Amino acid sequence: MNEENRKIAWSYITKIGDEMKGKLPDSPNHPKGRNPYAHILILIKTKFGCSYKEIPDEKLSTLIRFVDFVKEKSISK
C-alpha cells in the first residue's frame, strides 16, 4: 500500500477504534479493558493474512468496509 493510502487506512482504523473504546465485551483475559485498536488490527491480519500496510492499494475500500464490519459485529454483542 502506498504512503497516502496507509495514512487514510490508519486514520480510519483509529477513528473506528476511538468509537469502540469501552464498548467491547468484557474479557477475563483483559482485566483492565480491551484495546479496540489491537482488536481491529488482529482481525485485519486474520482476514487479509497481512498487516493493513501490506494490503494492495486496490483493496483499500474493502479494508474500510471490513473495519466497519468489525465495529458493527464487535459492539453489537
Protein backbone atom coordinates (compact mmCIF):
# COMPACT_ATOMS: atom_id res chain seq x y z
CA MET A 1 0.00 0.00 0.00
CA ASN A 2 1.37 3.42 -0.84
CA GLU A 3 2.02 6.05 1.84
CA GLU A 4 -1.12 8.11 1.11
CA ASN A 5 -3.41 5.07 1.35
CA ARG A 6 -1.62 3.90 4.52
CA LYS A 7 -2.41 7.24 6.13
CA ILE A 8 -6.05 7.00 5.03
CA ALA A 9 -6.32 3.44 6.37
CA TRP A 10 -4.64 4.23 9.70
CA SER A 11 -6.74 7.35 10.16
CA TYR A 12 -9.89 5.31 9.62
CA ILE A 13 -8.74 2.48 11.91
CA THR A 14 -8.01 4.96 14.72
CA LYS A 15 -11.34 6.75 14.18
CA ILE A 16 -13.26 3.49 14.50
CA GLY A 17 -11.04 2.38 17.42
CA ASP A 18 -11.89 5.62 19.21
CA GLU A 19 -15.60 4.94 18.67
CA MET A 20 -15.20 1.40 20.06
CA LYS A 21 -13.41 2.43 23.28
CA GLY A 22 -15.18 0.93 26.27
CA LYS A 23 -17.74 -0.84 24.06
CA LEU A 24 -16.04 -4.21 23.50
CA PRO A 25 -17.39 -7.08 25.61
CA ASP A 26 -15.52 -7.74 28.85
CA SER A 27 -12.93 -10.48 28.82
CA PRO A 28 -11.21 -12.22 31.75
CA ASN A 29 -8.00 -12.08 29.67
CA HIS A 30 -8.14 -8.26 29.69
CA PRO A 31 -8.94 -7.16 33.26
CA LYS A 32 -8.11 -3.50 32.52
CA GLY A 33 -10.31 -3.46 29.42
CA ARG A 34 -9.81 -4.41 25.81
CA ASN A 35 -7.78 -2.44 23.29
CA PRO A 36 -10.06 -1.68 20.32
CA TYR A 37 -7.13 -0.76 18.03
CA ALA A 38 -5.41 -4.11 18.65
CA HIS A 39 -8.76 -5.86 18.18
CA ILE A 40 -9.21 -4.28 14.74
CA LEU A 41 -5.61 -4.90 13.66
CA ILE A 42 -5.68 -8.56 14.73
CA LEU A 43 -8.88 -9.16 12.78
CA ILE A 44 -7.42 -7.40 9.71
CA LYS A 45 -4.37 -9.67 9.87
CA THR A 46 -6.61 -12.73 10.26
CA LYS A 47 -8.87 -11.76 7.36
CA PHE A 48 -6.27 -10.50 4.88
CA GLY A 49 -3.27 -12.57 6.01
CA CYS A 50 -1.10 -9.47 6.39
CA SER A 51 -0.79 -6.10 8.10
CA TYR A 52 -3.04 -3.28 6.90
CA LYS A 53 0.12 -1.68 5.45
CA GLU A 54 0.70 -4.68 3.18
CA ILE A 55 -2.79 -4.77 1.66
CA PRO A 56 -2.75 -3.77 -2.03
CA ASP A 57 -3.91 -0.24 -2.85
CA GLU A 58 -6.82 -1.53 -4.90
CA LYS A 59 -8.25 -3.20 -1.77
CA LEU A 60 -8.41 -0.03 0.35
CA SER A 61 -12.19 0.22 0.04
CA THR A 62 -12.50 -3.46 1.00
CA LEU A 63 -10.36 -2.79 4.08
CA ILE A 64 -12.53 0.16 5.10
CA ARG A 65 -15.71 -1.88 4.69
CA PHE A 66 -14.14 -4.65 6.78
CA VAL A 67 -13.27 -2.20 9.59
CA ASP A 68 -16.92 -1.04 9.57
CA PHE A 69 -18.00 -4.68 9.74
CA VAL A 70 -15.68 -5.31 12.71
CA LYS A 71 -17.17 -2.34 14.55
CA GLU A 72 -20.73 -3.44 13.86
CA LYS A 73 -20.17 -7.05 14.93
CA SER A 74 -17.89 -6.34 17.90
CA ILE A 75 -20.04 -3.82 19.75
CA SER A 76 -23.42 -5.39 19.00
CA LYS A 77 -22.66 -8.47 21.12
